[in-house]
Amino acid sequence: RMDTVTVRSKDDPSLSNLQHAIAKFRDVYGSDPDFIVRAPGRVNIIGEHIDYSGYAVLPMAIEQDTAIIVKRRTDATVRLKNINPVFEDRQFENVSEHIEIDNKKHEWSNYFLAGLKGVLEHSQVQSFVGFDALVHGTVPMAAGLSSSSAMVCAAALATMEANLLQLSKKDLADLTCQSERYIGLMGGGMDQAISFLAEKGTAKLIEFNPLTTFDVRIPSGAAFVIANSLAESHKYLTGASCFNMRVVESRLGAFLLAKKSGIDWTKIFKLKDVQVELKLKPVDMVDKVKQLLHVEPYSLDEVCSELNAQVEDIKKHLGNVTLQSFEIYKRCFHVFSEIDRVYKFREISEKSQDEFQLENLGKLMNESHSSCDQLYDCSCPDLNELTTICRNLGALGSRLTGAGWGGCTISLVQLENVNQFVDKLKKEYFSRPEIASRVESDSVFVTSPGNGASIYK
């Protein structure tokens, strides 16, 4: 069935890279596993920082994934090990949906517990079946390729299968998106949706509320190259000042635009809600932003007085954000122009090949980067330099991907030039003495759309 996670055989050749991990599982737990789950990382081609404003995004799954090798237990204990020795073993006893997650501590197992708790709450599991698990992750960390969401999604899948529950891909995507809040992040759902709903060979346009996906065919002459700036992007460290701050600025922007357009702002949650109420196109909303908001930052007091609201009423929308100055104009401008680029990208990809097709797609990616940099302030010097180098080496478009503030770039390159491009990029960016020691085999790689999550048994 299309709507449930694909089940494959444990002898599937795609598990060949896990043979050493399966052997390690036998070694540490003394038995064969019952099943294995995998959930891929993703790269977002275009549509950055707009999912939590209610808008569509255009990602694809990558080959790198988080796999969890599992054997059911006869009690409610979860024993958790990671193939990477950096991550210490963890054990949880008498597990139930009430398990506590301390998001003040940064702890690798929190991501695992978030997925587990999400499933247990959603399915109201009465008698939990515990399991022994070994985690094997190949998604580069702090790179903007969703290593954390891949862990949450894989943990949810392992918990579902261990407890013989039946959940659709969409339920899994929704519950894992909600459960990232246990780790203190206010994300929008793209990472979980693509991890479960991806299909090999096609990127996906993903719309939210309701969750709907459309295949987007990547033109045959195109290749995507992912390059890691090696500036680490730790969402959990910078959440309150960077990632969650943007969520808050967008939300306050939605309130202000609603109020100034005569809409009851207390019924509004996201920028898309305002656009829907006003029955305008996203691109017309850019004019509304220019007309109704001022360019300078807003203080918390000003937001309150514009909305005729008490500080306490607004503070409950701030979560862990403590900053008091909000760049609302710039954030809203980015969101409404970026969603326009997402639909243009899809439209150009779908049209018949013309000689400017790839060039036009590249141009949209470059515009997206510049908007992320100048309006959303989520780039950094390394990302700006790396995208510039990529364009100079022949990329038709290059932009940051993922949350930003470090991590990876994605570049659109003509397929026939891709090997030459990667070689030049390795020389030009990755052979520098200050970063050469941190370069890994996956610091730059060519990728094409991969499969979504699956279960092997």
Protein backbone atom coordinates (compact mmCIF):
# COMPACT_ATOMS: atom_id res chain seq x y z
CA ARG A 1 0.00 0.00 0.00
CA MET A 2 1.23 3.44 -0.98
CA ASP A 3 0.36 5.09 2.30
CA THR A 4 2.40 2.86 4.63
CA VAL A 5 6.17 2.62 4.91
CA THR A 6 7.70 0.17 2.41
CA VAL A 7 8.70 -3.18 3.88
CA ARG A 8 11.64 -4.96 2.24
CA SER A 9 13.55 -8.15 2.91
CA LYS A 10 16.52 -8.18 5.29
CA ASP A 11 18.48 -9.63 2.36
CA ASP A 12 17.90 -6.48 0.30
CA PRO A 13 21.17 -5.48 -1.46
CA SER A 14 20.64 -1.88 -0.31
CA LEU A 15 21.63 -3.05 3.19
CA SER A 16 25.12 -4.10 2.09
CA ASN A 17 26.65 -1.05 3.82
CA LEU A 18 25.15 -2.24 7.12
CA GLN A 19 26.74 -5.70 7.25
CA HIS A 20 29.46 -4.61 9.69
CA ALA A 21 26.84 -2.92 11.90
CA ILE A 22 24.67 -6.07 11.91
CA ALA A 23 27.74 -8.07 12.94
CA LYS A 24 28.40 -5.52 15.69
CA PHE A 25 24.77 -5.89 16.85
CA ARG A 26 25.23 -9.68 17.22
CA ASP A 27 28.44 -8.99 19.05
CA VAL A 28 27.04 -6.56 21.63
CA TYR A 29 23.55 -8.02 22.11
CA GLY A 30 24.32 -11.69 21.54
CA SER A 31 21.54 -12.39 19.01
CA ASP A 32 20.28 -11.66 15.51
CA PRO A 33 18.10 -8.57 15.01
CA ASP A 34 14.35 -8.89 14.31
CA PHE A 35 14.27 -5.99 11.88
CA ILE A 36 16.06 -2.88 10.64
CA VAL A 37 14.62 0.55 9.87
CA ARG A 38 16.15 3.39 7.88
CA ALA A 39 15.17 7.04 7.42
CA PRO A 40 17.08 9.25 5.00
CA GLY A 41 18.46 12.74 5.40
CA ARG A 42 17.34 15.32 2.88
CA VAL A 43 18.48 18.28 0.87
CA ASN A 44 16.13 21.16 0.21
CA ILE A 45 16.45 22.35 -3.39
CA ILE A 46 14.48 25.56 -2.83
CA GLY A 47 12.01 26.98 -0.31
CA GLU A 48 14.07 27.78 2.77
CA HIS A 49 12.61 28.73 6.16
CA ILE A 50 9.03 28.86 4.87
CA ASP A 51 7.50 25.54 5.99
CA TYR A 52 6.79 26.89 9.48
CA SER A 53 5.00 29.84 7.86
CA GLY A 54 2.68 27.26 6.25
CA TYR A 55 4.30 27.26 2.80
CA ALA A 56 5.43 24.56 0.37
CA VAL A 57 9.01 23.39 0.03
CA LEU A 58 10.90 21.39 -2.60
CA PRO A 59 13.29 18.83 -1.09
CA MET A 60 14.58 15.40 -2.06
CA ALA A 61 15.85 12.54 0.08
CA ILE A 62 19.58 11.79 -0.10
CA GLU A 63 21.23 8.36 0.13
CA GLN A 64 22.76 9.07 3.55
CA ASP A 65 20.48 7.87 6.31
CA THR A 66 20.00 6.83 9.91
CA ALA A 67 19.51 3.07 10.25
CA ILE A 68 18.50 1.37 13.48
CA ILE A 69 19.02 -2.36 13.98
CA VAL A 70 16.47 -3.74 16.45
CA LYS A 71 15.55 -6.79 18.50
CA ARG A 72 12.35 -6.84 20.58
CA ARG A 73 12.61 -7.54 24.31
CA THR A 74 10.16 -9.16 26.74
CA ASP A 75 10.17 -6.14 29.08
CA ALA A 76 9.70 -2.35 28.73
CA THR A 77 13.43 -1.53 28.61
CA VAL A 78 15.17 0.18 25.70
CA ARG A 79 18.91 -0.38 25.38
CA LEU A 80 20.48 2.06 22.96
CA LYS A 81 23.93 1.93 21.40
CA ASN A 82 25.49 3.91 18.57
CA ILE A 83 28.07 2.55 16.15
CA ASN A 84 29.85 5.91 16.55
CA PRO A 85 31.83 5.67 19.83
CA VAL A 86 31.44 9.42 20.42
CA PHE A 87 27.85 8.67 21.50
CA GLU A 88 27.63 6.87 24.83
CA ASP A 89 25.34 3.89 25.47
CA ARG A 90 21.99 4.67 27.06
CA GLN A 91 19.40 2.51 28.84
CA PHE A 92 15.81 3.44 29.68
CA GLU A 93 13.61 1.29 31.92
CA ASN A 94 9.81 1.08 32.36
CA VAL A 95 9.37 3.13 29.19
CA SER A 96 5.95 4.68 28.56
CA GLU A 97 4.53 7.71 26.80
CA HIS A 98 5.31 9.72 29.96
CA ILE A 99 9.06 9.39 29.46
CA GLU A 100 10.76 12.71 30.26
CA ILE A 101 13.12 14.42 27.80
CA ASP A 102 15.40 17.07 29.29
CA ASN A 103 16.04 19.46 26.42
CA LYS A 104 18.30 21.66 28.56
CA LYS A 105 20.92 18.90 28.24
CA HIS A 106 22.20 18.28 24.76
CA GLU A 107 22.15 14.53 24.62
CA TRP A 108 22.14 12.40 21.44
CA SER A 109 19.51 10.04 22.84
CA ASN A 110 17.00 12.94 23.14
CA TYR A 111 16.44 12.73 19.37
CA PHE A 112 15.77 9.02 19.70
CA LEU A 113 13.40 9.51 22.65
CA ALA A 114 11.53 12.27 20.79
CA GLY A 115 10.59 9.82 18.00
CA LEU A 116 9.74 7.09 20.49
CA LYS A 117 7.58 9.35 22.67
CA GLY A 118 5.78 10.75 19.61
CA VAL A 119 4.64 7.26 18.57
CA LEU A 120 3.64 6.20 22.09
CA GLU A 121 1.56 9.36 22.62
CA HIS A 122 -0.04 9.17 19.18
CA SER A 123 -0.96 5.49 19.51
CA GLN A 124 -1.67 5.58 23.26
CA VAL A 125 0.35 2.42 23.74
CA GLN A 126 -0.67 0.72 27.00
CA SER A 127 1.94 -2.01 27.36
CA PHE A 128 5.13 -0.96 25.63
CA VAL A 129 7.38 -3.58 24.03
CA GLY A 130 11.00 -2.68 24.75
CA PHE A 131 13.91 -3.38 22.42
CA ASP A 132 17.67 -3.46 21.98
CA ALA A 133 18.85 -1.03 19.31
CA LEU A 134 22.05 -0.15 17.50
CA VAL A 135 22.09 3.14 15.57
CA HIS A 136 24.16 3.57 12.41
CA GLY A 137 24.05 7.09 10.93
CA THR A 138 25.65 8.30 7.70
CA VAL A 139 24.05 11.76 7.40
CA PRO A 140 26.79 14.35 8.06
CA MET A 141 26.04 16.10 11.36
CA ALA A 142 25.48 19.85 11.78
CA ALA A 143 25.47 20.11 7.98
CA GLY A 144 21.89 21.19 7.29
CA LEU A 145 21.03 17.76 5.82
CA SER A 146 18.65 16.78 8.65
CA SER A 147 20.74 14.28 10.57
CA SER A 148 18.63 15.07 13.65
CA SER A 149 15.28 14.56 11.91
CA ALA A 150 16.54 11.32 10.33
CA MET A 151 17.22 10.07 13.87
CA VAL A 152 13.77 11.15 15.14
CA CYS A 153 12.06 9.51 12.13
CA ALA A 154 14.05 6.26 12.37
CA ALA A 155 13.36 6.04 16.14
CA ALA A 156 9.63 6.52 15.53
CA LEU A 157 9.69 3.78 12.90
CA ALA A 158 11.63 1.40 15.18
CA THR A 159 9.14 2.01 18.01
CA MET A 160 6.17 1.46 15.68
CA GLU A 161 7.52 -1.81 14.31
CA ALA A 162 8.69 -3.15 17.70
CA ASN A 163 5.17 -2.59 19.04
CA LEU A 164 3.47 -3.96 15.89
CA LEU A 165 1.57 -0.70 15.29
CA GLN A 166 0.17 0.38 11.92
CA LEU A 167 0.72 4.06 11.09
CA SER A 168 0.56 5.74 7.69
CA LYS A 169 3.52 7.71 6.31
CA LYS A 170 1.55 10.92 6.79
CA ASP A 171 0.77 10.10 10.43
CA LEU A 172 4.44 9.36 11.00
CA ALA A 173 5.47 12.62 9.31
CA ASP A 174 2.99 14.61 11.41
CA LEU A 175 3.81 13.01 14.74
CA THR A 176 7.60 13.24 14.25
CA CYS A 177 7.26 16.92 13.31
CA GLN A 178 5.28 17.54 16.49
CA SER A 179 7.71 15.53 18.60
CA GLU A 180 10.75 17.65 17.66
CA ARG A 181 9.26 20.17 20.08
CA TYR A 182 10.42 17.88 22.91
CA ILE A 183 13.96 18.82 21.86
CA GLY A 184 13.10 22.52 21.88
CA LEU A 185 12.82 23.15 18.13
CA MET A 186 9.87 24.88 16.44
CA GLY A 187 10.33 23.45 12.92
CA GLY A 188 7.78 23.30 10.16
CA GLY A 189 7.59 19.67 9.01
CA MET A 190 9.62 19.53 5.80
CA ASP A 191 12.37 17.23 7.13
CA GLN A 192 10.04 14.59 8.50
CA ALA A 193 7.67 14.71 5.50
CA ILE A 194 10.41 14.10 2.94
CA SER A 195 12.07 11.40 5.08
CA PHE A 196 8.84 9.36 4.99
CA LEU A 197 7.30 10.42 1.66
CA ALA A 198 10.32 10.54 -0.66
CA GLU A 199 10.50 8.33 -3.74
CA LYS A 200 13.56 7.42 -5.76
CA GLY A 201 14.07 9.47 -8.90
CA THR A 202 11.85 12.44 -8.07
CA ALA A 203 12.04 15.53 -5.90
CA LYS A 204 8.84 16.42 -4.02
CA LEU A 205 6.89 19.61 -3.74
CA ILE A 206 5.42 19.31 -0.25
CA GLU A 207 2.43 21.35 0.88
CA PHE A 208 1.22 21.43 4.48
CA ASN A 209 -2.22 21.52 6.16
CA PRO A 210 -3.20 19.12 4.71
CA LEU A 211 0.09 17.34 3.98
CA THR A 212 0.17 16.78 0.20
CA THR A 213 3.06 15.91 -2.12
CA PHE A 214 3.63 16.35 -5.85
CA ASP A 215 6.44 14.79 -7.86
CA VAL A 216 8.84 17.27 -9.43
CA ARG A 217 10.91 15.82 -12.23
CA ILE A 218 14.52 16.95 -12.21
CA PRO A 219 15.52 17.82 -15.81
CA SER A 220 17.68 15.13 -17.37
CA GLY A 221 20.74 17.35 -17.98
CA ALA A 222 20.91 18.48 -14.36
CA ALA A 223 23.01 17.29 -11.44
CA PHE A 224 22.97 18.54 -7.85
CA VAL A 225 26.22 18.84 -5.93
CA ILE A 226 26.15 19.13 -2.13
CA ALA A 227 29.18 20.83 -0.58
CA ASN A 228 29.67 21.28 3.16
CA SER A 229 31.05 24.69 4.14
CA LEU A 230 32.39 22.94 7.27
CA ALA A 231 31.04 25.79 9.36
CA GLU A 232 28.96 23.71 11.77
CA SER A 233 25.30 24.55 12.11
CA HIS A 234 24.05 23.32 15.48
CA LYS A 235 20.33 24.11 15.60
CA TYR A 236 20.10 23.15 19.27
CA LEU A 237 22.88 25.56 20.34
CA THR A 238 21.59 28.54 18.40
CA GLY A 239 17.87 27.73 18.57
CA ALA A 240 16.78 30.67 20.70
CA SER A 241 18.78 33.31 18.82
CA CYS A 242 18.66 31.92 15.29
CA PHE A 243 16.20 29.20 14.26
CA ASN A 244 13.39 29.74 16.79
CA MET A 245 13.90 33.50 16.56
CA ARG A 246 12.99 33.33 12.84
CA VAL A 247 9.88 31.31 13.65
CA VAL A 248 8.85 34.02 16.13
CA GLU A 249 9.62 36.92 13.77
CA SER A 250 7.51 35.29 11.04
CA ARG A 251 4.66 34.69 13.48
CA LEU A 252 4.71 38.28 14.77
CA GLY A 253 4.74 39.39 11.12
CA ALA A 254 1.59 37.35 10.51
CA PHE A 255 -0.10 39.03 13.51
CA LEU A 256 0.85 42.55 12.37
CA LEU A 257 -0.13 42.03 8.72
CA ALA A 258 -3.47 40.58 9.85
CA LYS A 259 -4.21 43.43 12.26
CA LYS A 260 -3.30 46.10 9.69
CA SER A 261 -5.50 44.36 7.09
CA GLY A 262 -8.53 44.33 9.39
CA ILE A 263 -8.31 40.60 10.19
CA ASP A 264 -8.67 39.26 13.75
CA TRP A 265 -5.00 38.54 14.44
CA THR A 266 -5.77 36.24 17.38
CA LYS A 267 -7.17 33.70 14.88
CA ILE A 268 -3.97 33.82 12.78
CA PHE A 269 -0.97 31.60 13.34
CA LYS A 270 1.18 31.71 10.18
CA LEU A 271 1.96 34.08 7.31
CA LYS A 272 0.10 31.81 4.92
CA ASP A 273 -3.10 32.26 7.00
CA VAL A 274 -3.01 36.01 6.24
CA GLN A 275 -2.54 35.43 2.51
CA VAL A 276 -5.44 32.95 2.46
CA GLU A 277 -7.71 35.37 4.36
CA LEU A 278 -6.85 38.20 1.95
CA LYS A 279 -7.27 35.92 -1.12
CA LEU A 280 -4.05 37.30 -2.64
CA LYS A 281 -1.14 35.64 -4.46
CA PRO A 282 2.12 35.37 -2.48
CA VAL A 283 3.75 37.87 -4.81
CA ASP A 284 0.98 40.41 -4.02
CA MET A 285 1.73 39.85 -0.34
CA VAL A 286 5.21 41.31 -0.96
CA ASP A 287 3.46 44.60 -1.84
CA LYS A 288 1.39 44.32 1.36
CA VAL A 289 4.60 43.95 3.37
CA LYS A 290 6.03 47.10 1.77
CA GLN A 291 2.80 48.97 2.32
CA LEU A 292 2.00 47.93 5.90
CA LEU A 293 5.30 47.25 7.71
CA HIS A 294 8.33 49.46 8.33
CA VAL A 295 11.82 48.33 7.39
CA GLU A 296 13.40 49.04 10.79
CA PRO A 297 13.24 46.35 13.48
CA TYR A 298 10.22 46.30 15.79
CA SER A 299 10.59 46.27 19.58
CA LEU A 300 8.40 43.99 21.69
CA ASP A 301 6.61 47.08 23.06
CA GLU A 302 5.87 48.34 19.58
CA VAL A 303 4.46 44.96 18.53
CA CYS A 304 2.22 45.00 21.62
CA SER A 305 0.95 48.52 21.02
CA GLU A 306 0.29 47.87 17.29
CA LEU A 307 -1.74 44.79 18.27
CA ASN A 308 -3.38 46.42 21.33
CA ALA A 309 -2.07 43.43 23.26
CA GLN A 310 -0.53 42.90 26.69
CA VAL A 311 3.16 41.92 26.77
CA GLU A 312 2.13 38.65 28.46
CA ASP A 313 -0.20 37.76 25.54
CA ILE A 314 2.66 38.12 23.07
CA LYS A 315 5.30 36.48 25.29
CA LYS A 316 3.50 33.15 25.13
CA HIS A 317 4.26 33.07 21.40
CA LEU A 318 7.99 33.56 21.99
CA GLY A 319 8.88 30.10 23.35
CA ASN A 320 12.54 30.19 24.42
CA VAL A 321 13.28 33.39 22.45
CA THR A 322 14.50 36.19 24.74
CA LEU A 323 15.64 38.79 22.20
CA GLN A 324 13.45 41.89 22.08
CA SER A 325 14.14 43.33 18.63
CA PHE A 326 12.42 41.75 15.63
CA GLU A 327 13.30 42.13 11.92
CA ILE A 328 9.73 41.57 10.83
CA TYR A 329 9.74 43.38 7.47
CA LYS A 330 12.77 41.49 6.14
CA ARG A 331 11.51 38.08 7.31
CA CYS A 332 8.05 38.52 5.73
CA PHE A 333 9.58 39.84 2.49
CA HIS A 334 11.73 36.70 2.27
CA VAL A 335 8.88 34.28 2.95
CA PHE A 336 6.47 35.69 0.34
CA SER A 337 9.14 35.99 -2.36
CA GLU A 338 10.61 32.54 -1.61
CA ILE A 339 7.29 30.70 -1.97
CA ASP A 340 6.88 32.37 -5.36
CA ARG A 341 10.29 30.93 -6.36
CA VAL A 342 9.25 27.42 -5.21
CA TYR A 343 6.26 27.32 -7.59
CA LYS A 344 8.29 28.89 -10.42
CA PHE A 345 10.95 26.20 -9.92
CA ARG A 346 8.36 23.48 -10.19
CA GLU A 347 6.80 25.08 -13.27
CA ILE A 348 10.15 25.42 -15.11
CA SER A 349 11.14 21.83 -14.17
CA GLU A 350 7.87 20.47 -15.54
CA LYS A 351 7.98 22.38 -18.83
CA SER A 352 9.53 20.89 -21.92
CA GLN A 353 13.28 21.24 -22.25
CA ASP A 354 14.38 24.54 -23.67
CA GLU A 355 17.94 25.77 -23.79
CA PHE A 356 17.40 28.17 -20.88
CA GLN A 357 15.65 25.71 -18.57
CA LEU A 358 18.64 24.93 -16.33
CA GLU A 359 19.81 28.53 -16.39
CA ASN A 360 16.41 29.72 -15.20
CA LEU A 361 16.32 27.13 -12.41
CA GLY A 362 19.82 28.21 -11.36
CA LYS A 363 18.77 31.84 -11.31
CA LEU A 364 15.93 31.01 -8.86
CA MET A 365 18.42 29.20 -6.60
CA ASN A 366 20.77 32.21 -6.65
CA GLU A 367 17.89 34.56 -5.82
CA SER A 368 16.90 32.25 -2.97
CA HIS A 369 20.42 32.37 -1.54
CA SER A 370 20.60 36.10 -1.74
CA SER A 371 17.22 36.41 0.03
CA CYS A 372 18.35 33.97 2.77
CA ASP A 373 21.51 36.02 3.20
CA GLN A 374 20.16 39.57 3.05
CA LEU A 375 16.55 39.30 4.19
CA TYR A 376 16.55 36.24 6.45
CA ASP A 377 20.09 36.66 7.79
CA CYS A 378 20.62 32.90 7.92
CA SER A 379 23.78 32.64 5.83
CA CYS A 380 27.35 33.13 7.06
CA PRO A 381 30.65 34.23 5.46
CA ASP A 382 31.71 30.63 4.68
CA LEU A 383 28.41 29.86 2.91
CA ASN A 384 28.55 33.08 0.91
CA GLU A 385 32.10 32.35 -0.15
CA LEU A 386 31.38 28.73 -1.03
CA THR A 387 28.31 29.61 -3.17
CA THR A 388 30.36 32.29 -4.96
CA ILE A 389 33.16 29.79 -5.69
CA CYS A 390 30.59 27.26 -6.98
CA ARG A 391 29.10 29.84 -9.37
CA ASN A 392 32.57 30.86 -10.55
CA LEU A 393 33.39 27.21 -11.27
CA GLY A 394 30.34 26.90 -13.52
CA ALA A 395 27.38 26.10 -11.25
CA LEU A 396 24.20 27.52 -12.81
CA GLY A 397 22.85 28.15 -9.32
CA SER A 398 24.18 27.73 -5.80
CA ARG A 399 22.52 28.36 -2.45
CA LEU A 400 22.67 27.40 1.20
CA THR A 401 20.39 24.52 2.08
CA GLY A 402 18.87 23.61 5.42
CA ALA A 403 18.59 26.06 8.29
CA GLY A 404 21.79 27.88 7.34
CA TRP A 405 24.26 29.62 9.70
CA GLY A 406 26.74 27.03 8.43
CA GLY A 407 26.29 23.59 6.92
CA CYS A 408 25.84 22.77 3.26
CA THR A 409 25.29 24.37 -0.10
CA ILE A 410 23.45 22.84 -3.03
CA SER A 411 24.56 23.68 -6.55
CA LEU A 412 22.89 22.99 -9.89
CA VAL A 413 25.51 21.80 -12.37
CA GLN A 414 25.24 20.52 -15.92
CA LEU A 415 25.47 16.73 -15.76
CA GLU A 416 28.23 16.55 -18.38
CA ASN A 417 30.46 18.90 -16.30
CA VAL A 418 29.77 17.47 -12.88
CA ASN A 419 32.96 15.43 -12.28
CA GLN A 420 35.17 18.27 -13.44
CA PHE A 421 33.19 20.66 -11.22
CA VAL A 422 33.64 18.48 -8.11
CA ASP A 423 37.40 18.11 -8.75
CA LYS A 424 37.85 21.87 -9.13
CA LEU A 425 35.77 22.55 -6.02
CA LYS A 426 37.89 20.16 -3.96
CA LYS A 427 41.01 22.07 -5.03
CA GLU A 428 39.55 25.54 -4.68
CA TYR A 429 37.72 25.27 -1.33
CA PHE A 430 38.53 22.02 0.40
CA SER A 431 42.32 21.92 0.08
CA ARG A 432 42.82 25.07 2.20
CA PRO A 433 45.11 24.47 5.16
CA GLU A 434 42.60 25.83 7.71
CA ILE A 435 39.92 23.31 6.74
CA ALA A 436 41.83 20.47 5.05
CA SER A 437 42.06 18.52 8.33
CA ARG A 438 38.24 18.52 8.72
CA VAL A 439 37.39 17.42 5.18
CA GLU A 440 35.58 14.07 5.01
CA SER A 441 34.79 11.87 2.00
CA ASP A 442 31.23 13.23 2.10
CA SER A 443 32.17 16.94 2.38
CA VAL A 444 31.28 17.21 -1.31
CA PHE A 445 29.11 14.74 -3.21
CA VAL A 446 26.75 14.46 -6.17
CA THR A 447 23.24 13.42 -5.24
CA SER A 448 20.02 12.39 -6.91
CA PRO A 449 16.59 11.87 -5.33
CA GLY A 450 16.54 8.79 -3.08
CA ASN A 451 13.92 6.56 -1.43
CA GLY A 452 11.98 7.44 1.70
CA ALA A 453 12.04 5.48 4.96
CA SER A 454 11.72 1.71 4.94
CA ILE A 455 11.58 -1.34 7.20
CA TYR A 456 13.63 -4.49 6.52
CA LYS A 457 12.57 -7.78 8.07
